[in-house]
């Protein structure tokens, strides 16, 4: 997989590179700087600490970038099978007392620092389409507070920040608002405005918690917990607030205004669900230090979100004023309509910096490999592939080298 972060990178070793890349199922992305041939290694099923310790191997193999799993707290935090695609709290990257499946925020940032020393970029899998499996119909979930930063239901909107829980992406016409794999779909177009990570318990704008009445109706019962530590997730919009810190104008601030010297200077603001998702992306780049995103289930998110909001949010927030590179998951075949859909989710116009995974090439190569496998076992009279030498993987490696050159 090629990446969009190229400057100052060494040449990759294609043989060592692709042997590892295909082992973890990486497909290619077409980029503007094709001559520099950067390649991303999908590094999953590994703790942050282990990945950090493997950095010399990653460097020596010639990789230019890593793609790591969703880092936030998963809804099924205690399930060994959950790798993070069922988000519960995106901003909870794990702490020493309560790590995620992969470790802690500190360990993630240490991994990023070590990767950057090796001239390796870090792209994080990012889920902006949905949350976990629980919704209004899950016993006790609404009353417990639901997903931090989101409202599962409201008196005036039974589905809250989400779409109808009875719809699925398999139903005709519901690719953009149905549940994908059972996970509750975020309604990026809704405009319920709250302070979604409360700081002051007395602020009437804080995101509510709801409960049910005896007849099954929805009623407000309180607010999600207010924590002063939530300030770190907001930009420092007012250098004089909070007054206890004094003036923070001289501190180091990121392009979006996050205070790197005193994170507790952040100022909470009202926003809708889309605003929270965009703030999360900014925070991951500007504070946590990732270099960009793999955008999960991108084709199930309305195009307006990417074109009108996401691209604007990440424009020039990267290192040196660059726009972070992103690559989306848009599963499609090889027909003209499929390729048109793939192109509709890319943007390389100097403002956006988005590509998509090349699933048509992946499916094509997978079919060719399967045919080679069938030839291998066809009997003594079968024709041997001169490239594979009875090993179809070698053919796929060679083709992938050509695709990326």
Protein backbone atom coordinates (compact mmCIF):
# COMPACT_ATOMS: atom_id res chain seq x y z
CA UNK A 1 0.00 0.00 0.00
CA UNK A 2 1.42 3.32 -0.98
CA UNK A 3 1.12 6.30 1.31
CA UNK A 4 0.97 10.04 0.87
CA UNK A 5 3.76 10.85 3.33
CA UNK A 6 6.91 10.64 1.29
CA UNK A 7 9.44 13.36 1.82
CA UNK A 8 12.85 12.27 3.01
CA UNK A 9 12.03 8.54 2.91
CA UNK A 10 14.42 5.76 2.03
CA UNK A 11 13.77 3.30 -0.81
CA UNK A 12 11.90 0.18 0.23
CA UNK A 13 13.08 -3.41 -0.31
CA UNK A 14 10.19 -4.86 -2.39
CA UNK A 15 10.85 -8.52 -1.56
CA UNK A 16 10.97 -8.12 2.19
CA UNK A 17 8.29 -5.49 2.00
CA UNK A 18 5.62 -7.42 0.17
CA UNK A 19 6.20 -10.71 1.94
CA UNK A 20 5.08 -9.04 5.14
CA UNK A 21 2.44 -6.83 3.54
CA UNK A 22 0.53 -9.66 1.92
CA UNK A 23 0.73 -11.75 5.09
CA UNK A 24 -1.49 -9.19 6.81
CA UNK A 25 -3.70 -8.50 3.81
CA UNK A 26 -2.58 -5.02 2.76
CA UNK A 27 -3.93 -3.79 -0.57
CA UNK A 28 -2.65 -0.93 -2.66
CA UNK A 29 -3.61 2.73 -2.73
CA UNK A 30 -2.85 4.93 -5.71
CA UNK A 31 -1.05 8.11 -4.77
CA UNK A 32 0.20 11.28 -6.39
CA UNK A 33 3.87 10.59 -5.57
CA UNK A 34 4.06 7.17 -7.22
CA UNK A 35 7.77 7.43 -7.91
CA UNK A 36 8.57 7.43 -4.21
CA UNK A 37 6.72 4.12 -3.65
CA UNK A 38 5.94 4.41 0.03
CA UNK A 39 4.31 1.30 1.46
CA UNK A 40 2.16 0.89 4.59
CA UNK A 41 2.36 -2.20 6.79
CA UNK A 42 -0.91 -3.21 8.46
CA UNK A 43 0.28 -4.12 11.97
CA UNK A 44 -2.60 -5.62 13.96
CA UNK A 45 -2.96 -8.12 16.83
CA UNK A 46 -0.07 -6.53 18.67
CA UNK A 47 0.25 -4.37 21.75
CA UNK A 48 1.72 -0.89 21.38
CA UNK A 49 4.75 -1.99 23.38
CA UNK A 50 5.38 -5.00 21.15
CA UNK A 51 4.95 -2.90 18.01
CA UNK A 52 7.43 -0.39 19.37
CA UNK A 53 9.93 -3.17 20.06
CA UNK A 54 9.52 -4.43 16.49
CA UNK A 55 10.38 -1.04 15.01
CA UNK A 56 13.95 -2.09 14.04
CA UNK A 57 12.48 -4.99 12.04
CA UNK A 58 9.95 -2.68 10.40
CA UNK A 59 12.70 -0.22 9.52
CA UNK A 60 15.07 -2.86 8.14
CA UNK A 61 12.30 -4.42 6.04
CA UNK A 62 11.91 -1.07 4.28
CA UNK A 63 8.45 -0.04 5.40
CA UNK A 64 7.61 3.64 5.35
CA UNK A 65 4.44 3.61 7.42
CA UNK A 66 2.25 1.61 9.80
CA UNK A 67 -1.50 1.13 9.87
CA UNK A 68 -2.64 0.26 13.39
CA UNK A 69 -6.10 -0.65 14.79
CA UNK A 70 -8.68 1.76 16.24
CA UNK A 71 -7.09 3.00 19.48
CA UNK A 72 -10.15 4.08 21.48
CA UNK A 73 -12.09 2.19 24.13
CA UNK A 74 -14.24 -0.48 22.47
CA UNK A 75 -17.84 -1.03 23.50
CA UNK A 76 -17.02 -4.69 24.11
CA UNK A 77 -13.93 -3.83 26.14
CA UNK A 78 -13.80 -7.21 27.86
CA UNK A 79 -14.32 -9.25 24.68
CA UNK A 80 -11.19 -10.88 23.32
CA UNK A 81 -12.75 -10.78 19.86
CA UNK A 82 -13.17 -6.98 19.77
CA UNK A 83 -10.31 -5.19 18.05
CA UNK A 84 -11.89 -1.74 18.27
CA UNK A 85 -14.42 -1.42 15.45
CA UNK A 86 -17.27 -1.11 17.96
CA UNK A 87 -16.34 2.29 19.47
CA UNK A 88 -17.52 3.18 22.95
CA UNK A 89 -15.30 6.16 23.84
CA UNK A 90 -12.93 7.32 21.11
CA UNK A 91 -11.03 9.69 23.39
CA UNK A 92 -10.24 6.97 25.96
CA UNK A 93 -6.95 5.59 24.63
CA UNK A 94 -6.26 3.61 27.79
CA UNK A 95 -4.54 4.39 31.08
CA UNK A 96 -2.18 2.48 33.35
CA UNK A 97 -5.08 1.44 35.55
CA UNK A 98 -7.38 0.57 32.64
CA UNK A 99 -5.58 -0.14 29.36
CA UNK A 100 -7.32 -0.90 26.09
CA UNK A 101 -6.67 -4.16 24.25
CA UNK A 102 -3.47 -2.58 22.89
CA UNK A 103 -2.19 -0.61 25.87
CA UNK A 104 -2.30 3.00 27.06
CA UNK A 105 -2.23 6.45 25.53
CA UNK A 106 1.32 6.90 26.80
CA UNK A 107 2.43 3.68 25.12
CA UNK A 108 0.74 4.70 21.88
CA UNK A 109 2.51 8.05 21.88
CA UNK A 110 5.82 6.34 22.66
CA UNK A 111 5.24 4.01 19.70
CA UNK A 112 4.59 7.04 17.47
CA UNK A 113 7.77 8.75 18.67
CA UNK A 114 9.86 5.65 17.96
CA UNK A 115 8.24 5.24 14.55
CA UNK A 116 9.07 8.81 13.64
CA UNK A 117 12.69 8.26 14.68
CA UNK A 118 12.73 5.43 12.13
CA UNK A 119 11.13 7.72 9.53
CA UNK A 120 7.95 5.63 9.66
CA UNK A 121 4.55 7.33 9.59
CA UNK A 122 1.67 6.03 11.73
CA UNK A 123 -1.86 5.84 10.33
CA UNK A 124 -4.59 4.94 12.77
CA UNK A 125 -7.79 3.11 11.88
CA UNK A 126 -10.63 5.55 12.47
CA UNK A 127 -14.31 4.67 12.81
CA UNK A 128 -16.56 7.66 12.03
CA UNK A 129 -19.55 5.73 10.70
CA UNK A 130 -20.89 4.00 13.79
CA UNK A 131 -20.54 3.19 17.48
CA UNK A 132 -20.99 -0.21 19.14
CA UNK A 133 -23.88 -2.66 19.10
CA UNK A 134 -25.91 -1.26 22.02
CA UNK A 135 -28.80 1.10 21.39
CA UNK A 136 -32.14 2.18 22.79
CA UNK A 137 -33.33 -1.42 22.85
CA UNK A 138 -30.42 -2.69 24.94
CA UNK A 139 -31.63 -3.18 28.55
CA UNK A 140 -30.13 -0.61 30.90
CA UNK A 141 -27.84 0.97 28.32
CA UNK A 142 -29.67 4.27 27.99
CA UNK A 143 -30.07 4.62 31.75
CA UNK A 144 -26.36 3.95 32.30
CA UNK A 145 -25.45 6.99 30.20
CA UNK A 146 -24.91 5.32 26.85
CA UNK A 147 -21.87 6.22 24.76
CA UNK A 148 -19.74 9.04 26.22
CA UNK A 149 -20.28 12.14 24.09
CA UNK A 150 -23.40 10.81 22.34
CA UNK A 151 -27.12 10.72 23.12
CA UNK A 152 -28.78 7.41 22.34
CA UNK A 153 -32.23 8.97 22.58
CA UNK A 154 -33.97 12.26 23.32
CA UNK A 155 -37.57 13.17 24.13
CA UNK A 156 -37.84 14.98 20.78
CA UNK A 157 -35.83 12.41 18.78
CA UNK A 158 -36.22 8.75 19.69
CA UNK A 159 -32.94 7.83 17.94
CA UNK A 160 -30.84 10.68 19.36
CA UNK A 161 -27.53 11.06 17.52
CA UNK A 162 -28.15 7.90 15.53
CA UNK A 163 -30.29 6.49 12.74
CA UNK A 164 -33.20 4.10 13.08
CA UNK A 165 -31.88 0.98 14.78
CA UNK A 166 -34.13 -1.29 12.72
CA UNK A 167 -32.43 -0.37 9.44
CA UNK A 168 -29.44 -2.29 8.07
CA UNK A 169 -27.02 -1.61 5.23
CA UNK A 170 -28.25 -4.80 3.52
CA UNK A 171 -31.67 -3.21 2.99
CA UNK A 172 -32.11 -1.49 -0.35
CA UNK A 173 -31.56 2.26 -0.10
CA UNK A 174 -30.04 2.19 3.40
CA UNK A 175 -26.32 1.99 2.66
CA UNK A 176 -25.85 5.36 4.38
CA UNK A 177 -28.18 5.06 7.37
CA UNK A 178 -28.39 1.36 8.21
CA UNK A 179 -26.60 -0.62 10.87
CA UNK A 180 -23.38 -2.13 9.52
CA UNK A 181 -22.79 -5.57 11.01
CA UNK A 182 -25.25 -4.72 13.77
CA UNK A 183 -23.42 -1.58 14.94
CA UNK A 184 -25.47 1.56 15.55
CA UNK A 185 -25.14 4.11 12.73
CA UNK A 186 -24.22 7.72 13.55
CA UNK A 187 -26.44 10.38 11.94
CA UNK A 188 -23.85 12.93 10.84
CA UNK A 189 -26.59 15.21 9.53
CA UNK A 190 -28.35 15.72 12.87
CA UNK A 191 -27.83 18.90 14.83
CA UNK A 192 -28.28 18.13 18.54
CA UNK A 193 -25.87 20.57 20.17
CA UNK A 194 -24.39 19.93 23.62
CA UNK A 195 -21.14 20.21 25.50
CA UNK A 196 -20.36 16.58 24.81
CA UNK A 197 -17.46 16.16 27.23
CA UNK A 198 -18.66 18.21 30.20
CA UNK A 199 -16.29 20.12 32.45
CA UNK A 200 -18.59 22.17 34.71
CA UNK A 201 -21.36 20.10 36.30
CA UNK A 202 -23.59 23.16 36.53
CA UNK A 203 -23.52 24.03 32.83
CA UNK A 204 -27.01 23.70 31.37
CA UNK A 205 -25.52 22.92 27.96
CA UNK A 206 -24.03 19.59 29.12
CA UNK A 207 -25.02 16.45 27.25
CA UNK A 208 -27.98 14.74 28.95
CA UNK A 209 -28.68 11.24 30.20
CA UNK A 210 -32.16 9.91 29.58
CA UNK A 211 -34.43 7.32 31.13
CA UNK A 212 -37.81 5.74 30.46
CA UNK A 213 -41.15 6.60 31.94
CA UNK A 214 -43.60 3.92 33.07
CA UNK A 215 -45.31 4.00 29.69
CA UNK A 216 -42.02 3.68 27.79
CA UNK A 217 -41.48 7.34 26.98
CA UNK A 218 -38.09 9.08 27.04
CA UNK A 219 -37.34 11.64 29.76
CA UNK A 220 -34.20 13.58 30.73
CA UNK A 221 -32.78 12.30 34.02
CA UNK A 222 -29.49 14.18 34.35
CA UNK A 223 -26.22 14.74 32.51
CA UNK A 224 -23.16 12.72 31.61
CA UNK A 225 -20.40 13.13 34.24
CA UNK A 226 -18.50 16.43 34.28
CA UNK A 227 -14.73 16.07 34.64
CA UNK A 228 -12.15 18.82 34.68
CA UNK A 229 -9.82 16.44 32.84
CA UNK A 230 -12.12 16.72 29.80
CA UNK A 231 -10.58 20.13 29.11
CA UNK A 232 -7.61 18.39 27.48
CA UNK A 233 -9.84 17.28 24.62
CA UNK A 234 -10.76 20.86 23.64
CA UNK A 235 -8.75 23.66 22.01
CA UNK A 236 -7.79 26.66 24.15
CA UNK A 237 -10.29 29.11 22.69
CA UNK A 238 -9.92 31.72 25.45
CA UNK A 239 -6.38 32.32 26.84
CA UNK A 240 -7.94 33.82 29.99
CA UNK A 241 -10.06 30.73 30.76
CA UNK A 242 -9.97 29.08 33.16
CA UNK A 243 -8.86 32.04 35.23
CA UNK A 244 -6.92 29.80 37.65
CA UNK A 245 -4.31 29.16 34.96
CA UNK A 246 -3.59 32.77 34.15
CA UNK A 247 -3.07 33.84 30.56
CA UNK A 248 -2.04 30.98 28.25
CA UNK A 249 -1.40 33.02 25.10
CA UNK A 250 2.35 32.35 25.27
CA UNK A 251 1.91 28.56 25.44
CA UNK A 252 2.54 26.30 22.46
CA UNK A 253 -0.72 25.86 20.58
CA UNK A 254 -1.52 23.52 17.69
CA UNK A 255 -3.16 24.75 14.45
CA UNK A 256 -6.60 24.08 15.97
CA UNK A 257 -5.65 25.67 19.28
CA UNK A 258 -4.92 22.70 21.55
CA UNK A 259 -2.56 23.86 24.32
CA UNK A 260 0.45 21.54 24.37
CA UNK A 261 1.96 23.12 27.48
CA UNK A 262 -1.20 23.22 29.57
CA UNK A 263 -3.85 20.85 28.18
CA UNK A 264 -6.09 21.82 31.10
CA UNK A 265 -6.61 25.19 29.38
CA UNK A 266 -9.09 23.73 26.88
CA UNK A 267 -12.48 25.41 26.67
CA UNK A 268 -15.55 23.20 26.13
CA UNK A 269 -17.98 24.25 23.41
CA UNK A 270 -21.37 23.11 22.16
CA UNK A 271 -21.27 20.84 19.12
CA UNK A 272 -23.25 18.15 17.36
CA UNK A 273 -22.09 14.56 16.82
CA UNK A 274 -20.24 15.52 13.64
CA UNK A 275 -18.40 18.22 15.59
CA UNK A 276 -17.23 15.67 18.15
CA UNK A 277 -15.96 13.31 15.43
CA UNK A 278 -14.03 16.10 13.72
CA UNK A 279 -12.56 17.32 17.00
CA UNK A 280 -11.41 13.77 17.68
CA UNK A 281 -9.58 13.66 14.33
CA UNK A 282 -7.87 16.97 15.04
CA UNK A 283 -6.88 15.83 18.54
CA UNK A 284 -5.42 12.57 17.25
CA UNK A 285 -3.17 14.40 14.76
CA UNK A 286 -2.27 17.53 16.71
CA UNK A 287 -1.98 16.14 20.24
CA UNK A 288 -1.55 12.37 20.08
CA UNK A 289 0.71 12.64 17.03
CA UNK A 290 -0.65 10.26 14.37
CA UNK A 291 0.11 11.09 10.75
CA UNK A 292 -3.25 10.28 9.21
CA UNK A 293 -6.17 7.88 9.07
CA UNK A 294 -7.51 4.71 7.56
CA UNK A 295 -11.21 5.57 7.27
CA UNK A 296 -13.32 2.56 8.18
CA UNK A 297 -16.59 1.95 6.30
CA UNK A 298 -16.10 5.19 4.35
CA UNK A 299 -18.79 4.42 1.77
CA UNK A 300 -21.41 4.13 4.51
CA UNK A 301 -20.78 7.73 5.60
CA UNK A 302 -22.61 10.42 3.59
CA UNK A 303 -20.26 12.03 1.03
CA UNK A 304 -21.08 15.50 2.38
CA UNK A 305 -19.32 14.57 5.62
CA UNK A 306 -16.02 13.94 3.82
CA UNK A 307 -16.27 16.75 1.27
CA UNK A 308 -17.74 19.52 3.41
CA UNK A 309 -16.53 18.76 6.93
CA UNK A 310 -13.70 16.22 7.22
CA UNK A 311 -11.45 17.79 4.57
CA UNK A 312 -11.93 21.23 6.11
CA UNK A 313 -11.21 19.93 9.62
CA UNK A 314 -7.87 18.30 8.76
CA UNK A 315 -6.66 20.86 6.20
CA UNK A 316 -3.08 21.87 7.02
CA UNK A 317 -3.15 20.51 10.61
CA UNK A 318 -0.31 18.04 10.04
CA UNK A 319 3.41 18.41 10.61
CA UNK A 320 4.81 21.48 8.88
CA UNK A 321 1.36 22.64 7.84
CA UNK A 322 0.64 19.61 5.69
CA UNK A 323 -2.77 17.99 5.30
CA UNK A 324 -2.78 14.49 6.86
CA UNK A 325 -3.13 11.64 4.41
CA UNK A 326 -6.18 9.35 4.69
CA UNK A 327 -7.26 6.21 2.85
CA UNK A 328 -10.81 4.93 2.96
CA UNK A 329 -12.39 1.50 3.00
CA UNK A 330 -14.73 1.50 0.01
CA UNK A 331 -15.37 -2.10 -1.00
CA UNK A 332 -16.22 -2.30 -4.68
CA UNK A 333 -15.68 -4.55 -7.67
CA UNK A 334 -14.19 -3.69 -11.03
CA UNK A 335 -17.18 -2.46 -13.03
CA UNK A 336 -17.37 1.08 -14.38
CA UNK A 337 -19.94 1.96 -11.72
CA UNK A 338 -17.72 0.53 -8.98
CA UNK A 339 -14.71 2.48 -10.18
CA UNK A 340 -16.82 5.64 -10.34
CA UNK A 341 -17.83 5.08 -6.73
CA UNK A 342 -14.20 4.64 -5.72
CA UNK A 343 -13.28 7.92 -7.40
CA UNK A 344 -16.12 9.72 -5.61
CA UNK A 345 -14.46 8.93 -2.27
CA UNK A 346 -11.04 10.26 -3.26
CA UNK A 347 -9.90 13.86 -3.22
CA UNK A 348 -6.45 15.02 -4.33
CA UNK A 349 -7.09 18.62 -5.31
CA UNK A 350 -4.68 20.35 -2.94
CA UNK A 351 -7.40 20.77 -0.33
CA UNK A 352 -8.42 17.19 0.37
CA UNK A 353 -5.82 14.42 0.73
CA UNK A 354 -7.88 11.23 0.55
CA UNK A 355 -7.48 7.97 -1.34
CA UNK A 356 -9.23 4.60 -1.15
CA UNK A 357 -8.06 1.03 -0.81
CA UNK A 358 -7.80 -0.70 -4.18
CA UNK A 359 -10.33 -3.48 -3.67
CA UNK A 360 -10.79 -4.17 -7.41
CA UNK A 361 -7.09 -5.06 -7.62
CA UNK A 362 -7.37 -7.12 -4.44
CA UNK A 363 -10.32 -9.16 -5.75
CA UNK A 364 -8.65 -9.59 -9.15
CA UNK A 365 -5.41 -10.84 -7.60
CA UNK A 366 -7.28 -13.11 -5.19
CA UNK A 367 -9.11 -14.74 -8.12
CA UNK A 368 -5.89 -15.22 -10.06
CA UNK A 369 -4.19 -16.78 -7.03
CA UNK A 370 -7.14 -19.12 -6.52
CA UNK A 371 -6.92 -20.24 -10.15
CA UNK A 372 -3.20 -20.94 -9.71
CA UNK A 373 -3.96 -22.94 -6.60
CA UNK A 374 -6.45 -25.03 -8.56
CA UNK A 375 -3.90 -25.61 -11.33
CA UNK A 376 -1.40 -26.76 -8.73
CA UNK A 377 -3.64 -29.61 -7.64
CA UNK A 378 -5.01 -30.47 -11.10
CA UNK A 379 -2.68 -33.43 -11.47
CA UNK A 380 0.56 -34.35 -13.16
CA UNK A 381 -0.59 -32.86 -16.44
CA UNK A 382 -1.19 -29.36 -14.98
CA UNK A 383 0.82 -26.48 -16.45
CA UNK A 384 3.29 -25.00 -13.99
CA UNK A 385 3.41 -21.23 -13.62
CA UNK A 386 6.98 -20.13 -14.40
CA UNK A 387 6.69 -17.21 -11.96
CA UNK A 388 5.17 -19.11 -9.02
CA UNK A 389 7.14 -22.37 -9.12
CA UNK A 390 4.06 -24.05 -7.66
CA UNK A 391 3.66 -21.29 -5.07
CA UNK A 392 0.81 -18.91 -6.04
CA UNK A 393 1.90 -16.43 -3.39
CA UNK A 394 5.01 -15.63 -5.42
CA UNK A 395 2.88 -14.62 -8.41
CA UNK A 396 0.84 -12.30 -6.20
CA UNK A 397 4.02 -10.77 -4.78
CA UNK A 398 5.41 -10.08 -8.21
CA UNK A 399 2.17 -8.55 -9.45
CA UNK A 400 1.94 -6.36 -6.37
CA UNK A 401 5.48 -5.11 -6.99
CA UNK A 402 4.48 -4.08 -10.50
CA UNK A 403 1.31 -2.42 -9.22
CA UNK A 404 3.27 -0.27 -6.82
CA UNK A 405 6.15 0.65 -9.12
